Amino acid sequence: MVTEDALDPLYQSFLEWKSGSLSYFELTELIHIFHKNNQEIYKDFTYTDRKELILLAKLKLGRLTEDDIKENKRLLEFWGYEDRTSS
């Protein structure tokens, strides 16, 4: 979820905090988790070269082709990909 929609649950948490049904400490933990998730997304798209960036995006979106898998088998395995189509 890399869109503004990802903010909706956090926004709801702010409303719960404002109404008193969520503690300050719970809210700050949710903010921290949201921030860490965004850091991971940022790292994915900042620390790779263009070819790897496209491959990583295809992996995360479930759009790998057979050629992608064949040509990048070791890198994909390094990223934790398991080819479930070859049996």
Foldseek 3Di string as FASTA:
>chain_A
DPDCVVCVVLVVQVVCVVVPNDPPVRNVVVVVVVVVVVVVVVCLCPVDDPVSSVLVVCVVVVNDDPVSCVVCVVVCVVVVDDDPPPD
